[in-house]
């Protein structure tokens, strides 16, 4: 059960991160996507700025602990799965700014259409 919870938390987290990244561009094709994307982007931005602990990370850590696996990086999901795997950890703030720029750029593109 714990492994299933941890795996489900990873999948939901990955989908959320992906949607936060490209949801504004999806809204170009289906404008109704803008409302849930705005909510996702605001949540993602809040997490990036405040460095608050994400409920999905807590859920994954609970599943990992129950199945005898080590916890996520103390800095959270993004640090654990992306930093030093997809980009160097020292680029973390730059990547956050690029993602924010992509989100705002997608909204600007939608507004100009």
N, C-alpha and C. Protein backbone atom coordinates (compact mmCIF):
# COMPACT_ATOMS: atom_id res chain seq x y z
N UNK A 1 0.82 -1.19 0.00
CA UNK A 1 0.00 0.00 0.00
C UNK A 1 0.87 1.26 0.00
N UNK A 2 1.92 1.27 0.82
CA UNK A 2 2.78 2.45 0.90
C UNK A 2 3.46 2.74 -0.44
N UNK A 3 3.93 1.68 -1.10
CA UNK A 3 4.57 1.89 -2.41
C UNK A 3 3.60 2.46 -3.41
N UNK A 4 2.37 1.99 -3.39
CA UNK A 4 1.35 2.49 -4.30
C UNK A 4 1.07 3.97 -4.05
N UNK A 5 0.97 4.35 -2.80
CA UNK A 5 0.74 5.76 -2.44
C UNK A 5 1.91 6.61 -2.92
N UNK A 6 3.13 6.16 -2.67
CA UNK A 6 4.32 6.91 -3.10
C UNK A 6 4.36 7.04 -4.62
N UNK A 7 4.08 5.95 -5.33
CA UNK A 7 4.10 5.99 -6.79
C UNK A 7 3.01 6.90 -7.33
N UNK A 8 1.82 6.83 -6.76
CA UNK A 8 0.73 7.70 -7.20
C UNK A 8 1.08 9.16 -6.95
N UNK A 9 1.70 9.46 -5.83
CA UNK A 9 2.10 10.84 -5.54
C UNK A 9 3.12 11.34 -6.56
N UNK A 10 4.05 10.47 -6.97
CA UNK A 10 5.03 10.87 -7.99
C UNK A 10 4.33 11.16 -9.31
N UNK A 11 3.42 10.29 -9.71
CA UNK A 11 2.71 10.48 -10.98
C UNK A 11 1.90 11.77 -10.96
N UNK A 12 1.14 11.99 -9.90
CA UNK A 12 0.33 13.21 -9.81
C UNK A 12 1.23 14.44 -9.80
N UNK A 13 2.34 14.36 -9.10
CA UNK A 13 3.28 15.48 -9.04
C UNK A 13 3.86 15.78 -10.42
N UNK A 14 4.27 14.75 -11.15
CA UNK A 14 4.84 14.94 -12.49
C UNK A 14 3.81 15.56 -13.43
N UNK A 15 2.57 15.06 -13.38
CA UNK A 15 1.51 15.62 -14.21
C UNK A 15 1.28 17.08 -13.84
N UNK A 16 1.25 17.38 -12.55
CA UNK A 16 1.04 18.76 -12.11
C UNK A 16 2.17 19.67 -12.60
N UNK A 17 3.40 19.23 -12.45
CA UNK A 17 4.54 20.05 -12.91
C UNK A 17 4.47 20.25 -14.42
N UNK A 18 4.17 19.19 -15.15
CA UNK A 18 4.04 19.31 -16.61
C UNK A 18 2.92 20.26 -17.00
N UNK A 19 1.78 20.13 -16.34
CA UNK A 19 0.66 21.01 -16.64
C UNK A 19 0.99 22.45 -16.30
N UNK A 20 1.68 22.67 -15.20
CA UNK A 20 2.08 24.02 -14.82
C UNK A 20 3.00 24.61 -15.88
N UNK A 21 3.86 23.79 -16.43
CA UNK A 21 4.81 24.26 -17.44
C UNK A 21 4.13 24.55 -18.78
N UNK A 22 3.25 23.68 -19.26
CA UNK A 22 2.71 23.84 -20.62
C UNK A 22 1.23 24.17 -20.68
N UNK A 23 0.55 24.24 -19.54
CA UNK A 23 -0.89 24.48 -19.54
C UNK A 23 -1.31 25.76 -20.22
N UNK A 24 -0.51 26.81 -20.12
CA UNK A 24 -0.84 28.07 -20.78
C UNK A 24 -0.84 27.92 -22.29
N UNK A 25 0.06 27.08 -22.81
CA UNK A 25 0.08 26.82 -24.25
C UNK A 25 -1.10 25.94 -24.65
N UNK A 26 -1.50 25.01 -23.78
CA UNK A 26 -2.69 24.20 -24.06
C UNK A 26 -3.93 25.08 -24.14
N UNK A 27 -3.94 26.17 -23.37
CA UNK A 27 -5.08 27.09 -23.39
C UNK A 27 -5.22 27.78 -24.75
N UNK A 28 -4.17 27.81 -25.55
CA UNK A 28 -4.28 28.35 -26.89
C UNK A 28 -5.22 27.49 -27.73
N UNK A 29 -5.23 26.19 -27.45
CA UNK A 29 -6.09 25.26 -28.19
C UNK A 29 -7.46 25.11 -27.53
N UNK A 30 -7.50 25.14 -26.22
CA UNK A 30 -8.74 24.98 -25.46
C UNK A 30 -8.76 26.05 -24.37
N UNK A 31 -9.36 27.21 -24.64
CA UNK A 31 -9.31 28.33 -23.70
C UNK A 31 -9.80 28.02 -22.28
N UNK A 32 -10.68 27.04 -22.10
CA UNK A 32 -11.16 26.70 -20.77
C UNK A 32 -10.04 26.21 -19.86
N UNK A 33 -8.92 25.78 -20.43
CA UNK A 33 -7.79 25.28 -19.65
C UNK A 33 -7.11 26.41 -18.87
N UNK A 34 -7.35 27.65 -19.27
CA UNK A 34 -6.68 28.78 -18.62
C UNK A 34 -7.00 28.87 -17.13
N UNK A 35 -8.23 28.62 -16.74
CA UNK A 35 -8.61 28.75 -15.32
C UNK A 35 -7.86 27.72 -14.46
N UNK A 36 -7.92 26.42 -14.79
CA UNK A 36 -7.14 25.49 -13.96
C UNK A 36 -5.63 25.73 -14.06
N UNK A 37 -5.18 26.21 -15.24
CA UNK A 37 -3.75 26.48 -15.36
C UNK A 37 -3.35 27.66 -14.49
N UNK A 38 -4.18 28.68 -14.42
CA UNK A 38 -3.87 29.83 -13.56
C UNK A 38 -3.75 29.37 -12.10
N UNK A 39 -4.66 28.48 -11.68
CA UNK A 39 -4.58 27.96 -10.31
C UNK A 39 -3.29 27.17 -10.10
N UNK A 40 -2.93 26.34 -11.07
CA UNK A 40 -1.70 25.55 -10.96
C UNK A 40 -0.47 26.46 -10.94
N UNK A 41 -0.47 27.47 -11.80
CA UNK A 41 0.67 28.38 -11.87
C UNK A 41 0.80 29.20 -10.58
N UNK A 42 -0.32 29.63 -10.03
CA UNK A 42 -0.26 30.37 -8.77
C UNK A 42 0.26 29.49 -7.65
N UNK A 43 -0.20 28.24 -7.60
CA UNK A 43 0.29 27.31 -6.57
C UNK A 43 1.79 27.06 -6.78
N UNK A 44 2.19 26.77 -8.01
CA UNK A 44 3.61 26.53 -8.29
C UNK A 44 4.47 27.73 -7.96
N UNK A 45 3.98 28.92 -8.31
CA UNK A 45 4.73 30.13 -7.98
C UNK A 45 4.84 30.35 -6.49
N UNK A 46 3.75 30.08 -5.79
CA UNK A 46 3.77 30.20 -4.32
C UNK A 46 4.80 29.25 -3.72
N UNK A 47 4.83 28.02 -4.23
CA UNK A 47 5.77 27.04 -3.70
C UNK A 47 7.21 27.45 -3.99
N UNK A 48 7.44 28.00 -5.18
CA UNK A 48 8.80 28.42 -5.55
C UNK A 48 9.27 29.60 -4.70
N UNK A 49 8.37 30.53 -4.43
CA UNK A 49 8.74 31.73 -3.68
C UNK A 49 8.85 31.44 -2.19
N UNK A 50 7.87 30.73 -1.65
CA UNK A 50 7.84 30.54 -0.20
C UNK A 50 8.66 29.35 0.29
N UNK A 51 8.96 28.43 -0.61
CA UNK A 51 9.68 27.20 -0.26
C UNK A 51 8.88 26.39 0.77
N UNK A 52 7.55 26.53 0.72
CA UNK A 52 6.69 25.78 1.63
C UNK A 52 6.74 24.29 1.29
N UNK A 53 6.36 23.46 2.24
CA UNK A 53 6.33 22.02 2.02
C UNK A 53 5.06 21.65 1.29
N UNK A 54 5.20 20.93 0.20
CA UNK A 54 4.06 20.55 -0.63
C UNK A 54 3.33 19.34 -0.03
N UNK A 55 2.00 19.36 -0.04
CA UNK A 55 1.26 18.20 0.48
C UNK A 55 1.56 16.91 -0.29
N UNK A 56 1.80 17.00 -1.58
CA UNK A 56 2.13 15.80 -2.35
C UNK A 56 3.50 15.24 -1.94
N UNK A 57 4.44 16.12 -1.62
CA UNK A 57 5.74 15.65 -1.15
C UNK A 57 5.61 14.96 0.20
N UNK A 58 4.76 15.50 1.05
CA UNK A 58 4.52 14.85 2.36
C UNK A 58 3.90 13.48 2.16
N UNK A 59 2.94 13.39 1.24
CA UNK A 59 2.29 12.11 0.96
C UNK A 59 3.30 11.10 0.40
N UNK A 60 4.13 11.56 -0.53
CA UNK A 60 5.14 10.66 -1.07
C UNK A 60 6.12 10.20 0.01
N UNK A 61 6.54 11.12 0.85
CA UNK A 61 7.46 10.75 1.94
C UNK A 61 6.82 9.73 2.89
N UNK A 62 5.52 9.87 3.15
CA UNK A 62 4.82 8.90 3.98
C UNK A 62 4.87 7.52 3.33
N UNK A 63 4.60 7.47 2.03
CA UNK A 63 4.65 6.20 1.32
C UNK A 63 6.05 5.63 1.26
N UNK A 64 7.01 6.48 1.03
CA UNK A 64 8.41 6.02 0.97
C UNK A 64 8.84 5.47 2.33
N UNK A 65 8.50 6.18 3.41
CA UNK A 65 8.89 5.73 4.75
C UNK A 65 8.24 4.39 5.07
N UNK A 66 6.97 4.25 4.73
CA UNK A 66 6.26 3.01 5.01
C UNK A 66 6.76 1.82 4.23
N UNK A 67 7.39 2.09 3.09
CA UNK A 67 7.93 0.98 2.29
C UNK A 67 9.44 0.82 2.47
N UNK A 68 10.00 1.53 3.45
CA UNK A 68 11.42 1.37 3.77
C UNK A 68 12.37 2.09 2.83
N UNK A 69 11.87 3.06 2.08
CA UNK A 69 12.72 3.82 1.16
C UNK A 69 13.08 5.16 1.78
N UNK A 70 14.19 5.75 1.39
CA UNK A 70 14.57 7.06 1.95
C UNK A 70 13.62 8.16 1.50
N UNK A 71 13.56 9.21 2.30
CA UNK A 71 12.71 10.36 1.99
C UNK A 71 13.23 11.13 0.79
N UNK A 72 12.38 11.98 0.28
CA UNK A 72 12.79 12.92 -0.77
C UNK A 72 13.86 13.85 -0.22
N UNK A 73 14.54 14.53 -1.13
CA UNK A 73 15.45 15.60 -0.73
C UNK A 73 14.68 16.54 0.18
N UNK A 74 15.30 17.02 1.26
CA UNK A 74 14.59 17.92 2.19
C UNK A 74 14.02 19.17 1.51
N UNK A 75 14.59 19.56 0.38
CA UNK A 75 14.08 20.74 -0.33
C UNK A 75 12.87 20.41 -1.19
N UNK A 76 12.50 19.13 -1.31
CA UNK A 76 11.25 18.77 -1.98
C UNK A 76 11.39 18.02 -3.28
N UNK A 77 10.25 17.89 -3.93
CA UNK A 77 10.09 17.08 -5.14
C UNK A 77 10.99 17.54 -6.28
N UNK A 78 10.97 18.82 -6.58
CA UNK A 78 11.76 19.35 -7.71
C UNK A 78 13.24 19.10 -7.46
N UNK A 79 13.70 19.38 -6.27
CA UNK A 79 15.11 19.16 -5.94
C UNK A 79 15.46 17.68 -6.06
N UNK A 80 14.56 16.81 -5.65
CA UNK A 80 14.83 15.38 -5.65
C UNK A 80 14.87 14.79 -7.06
N UNK A 81 13.89 15.14 -7.89
CA UNK A 81 13.75 14.50 -9.19
C UNK A 81 14.35 15.27 -10.36
N UNK A 82 14.56 16.58 -10.22
CA UNK A 82 15.02 17.36 -11.36
C UNK A 82 16.44 17.92 -11.19
N UNK A 83 16.72 18.47 -10.01
CA UNK A 83 18.04 19.07 -9.81
C UNK A 83 19.12 17.98 -9.84
N UNK A 84 20.19 18.27 -10.54
CA UNK A 84 21.32 17.36 -10.76
C UNK A 84 20.94 16.11 -11.57
N UNK A 85 19.73 16.08 -12.10
CA UNK A 85 19.33 15.03 -13.03
C UNK A 85 18.99 15.65 -14.38
N UNK A 86 18.18 16.71 -14.35
CA UNK A 86 17.78 17.40 -15.57
C UNK A 86 18.63 18.66 -15.78
N UNK A 87 18.98 19.31 -14.70
CA UNK A 87 19.81 20.51 -14.75
C UNK A 87 20.61 20.58 -13.44
N UNK A 88 21.76 21.28 -13.47
CA UNK A 88 22.56 21.39 -12.24
C UNK A 88 21.80 22.14 -11.15
N UNK A 89 21.99 21.72 -9.92
CA UNK A 89 21.30 22.34 -8.79
C UNK A 89 21.57 23.84 -8.71
N UNK A 90 22.75 24.25 -9.11
CA UNK A 90 23.08 25.67 -9.01
C UNK A 90 22.25 26.52 -9.99
N UNK A 91 21.57 25.89 -10.93
CA UNK A 91 20.71 26.59 -11.88
C UNK A 91 19.27 26.68 -11.41
N UNK A 92 18.98 26.21 -10.21
CA UNK A 92 17.59 26.10 -9.75
C UNK A 92 16.82 27.41 -9.87
N UNK A 93 17.36 28.49 -9.39
CA UNK A 93 16.65 29.77 -9.45
C UNK A 93 16.47 30.22 -10.90
N UNK A 94 17.48 30.01 -11.74
CA UNK A 94 17.35 30.37 -13.15
C UNK A 94 16.23 29.58 -13.82
N UNK A 95 16.18 28.29 -13.53
CA UNK A 95 15.14 27.44 -14.12
C UNK A 95 13.76 27.91 -13.65
N UNK A 96 13.63 28.26 -12.39
CA UNK A 96 12.35 28.78 -11.89
C UNK A 96 11.95 30.05 -12.64
N UNK A 97 12.91 30.93 -12.88
CA UNK A 97 12.62 32.16 -13.62
C UNK A 97 12.24 31.87 -15.06
N UNK A 98 12.91 30.90 -15.69
CA UNK A 98 12.57 30.52 -17.06
C UNK A 98 11.16 29.93 -17.12
N UNK A 99 10.84 29.06 -16.18
CA UNK A 99 9.50 28.48 -16.14
C UNK A 99 8.46 29.58 -15.94
N UNK A 100 8.72 30.50 -15.02
CA UNK A 100 7.81 31.63 -14.82
C UNK A 100 7.64 32.45 -16.09
N UNK A 101 8.75 32.67 -16.80
CA UNK A 101 8.69 33.39 -18.07
C UNK A 101 7.89 32.65 -19.13
N UNK A 102 8.03 31.32 -19.17
CA UNK A 102 7.23 30.53 -20.11
C UNK A 102 5.75 30.63 -19.79
N UNK A 103 5.41 30.55 -18.53
CA UNK A 103 4.01 30.64 -18.12
C UNK A 103 3.45 32.01 -18.50
N UNK A 104 4.15 33.07 -18.12
CA UNK A 104 3.66 34.42 -18.46
C UNK A 104 3.64 34.64 -19.97
N UNK A 105 4.64 34.11 -20.67
CA UNK A 105 4.67 34.22 -22.13
C UNK A 105 3.51 33.48 -22.78
N UNK A 106 3.15 32.34 -22.23
CA UNK A 106 2.01 31.60 -22.80
C UNK A 106 0.71 32.40 -22.60
N UNK A 107 0.58 33.04 -21.44
CA UNK A 107 -0.62 33.85 -21.19
C UNK A 107 -0.63 35.08 -22.10
N UNK A 108 0.52 35.70 -22.29
CA UNK A 108 0.60 36.85 -23.19
C UNK A 108 0.26 36.42 -24.61
N UNK A 109 0.78 35.29 -25.05
CA UNK A 109 0.45 34.77 -26.37
C UNK A 109 -1.02 34.51 -26.53
N UNK A 110 -1.66 33.99 -25.49
CA UNK A 110 -3.09 33.74 -25.53
C UNK A 110 -3.86 35.06 -25.64
N UNK A 111 -3.42 36.06 -24.88
CA UNK A 111 -4.10 37.36 -24.89
C UNK A 111 -3.97 38.04 -26.24
N UNK A 112 -2.86 37.84 -26.94
CA UNK A 112 -2.62 38.50 -28.22
C UNK A 112 -3.25 37.76 -29.40
N UNK A 113 -3.77 36.58 -29.16
CA UNK A 113 -4.37 35.80 -30.25
C UNK A 113 -5.69 36.36 -30.68
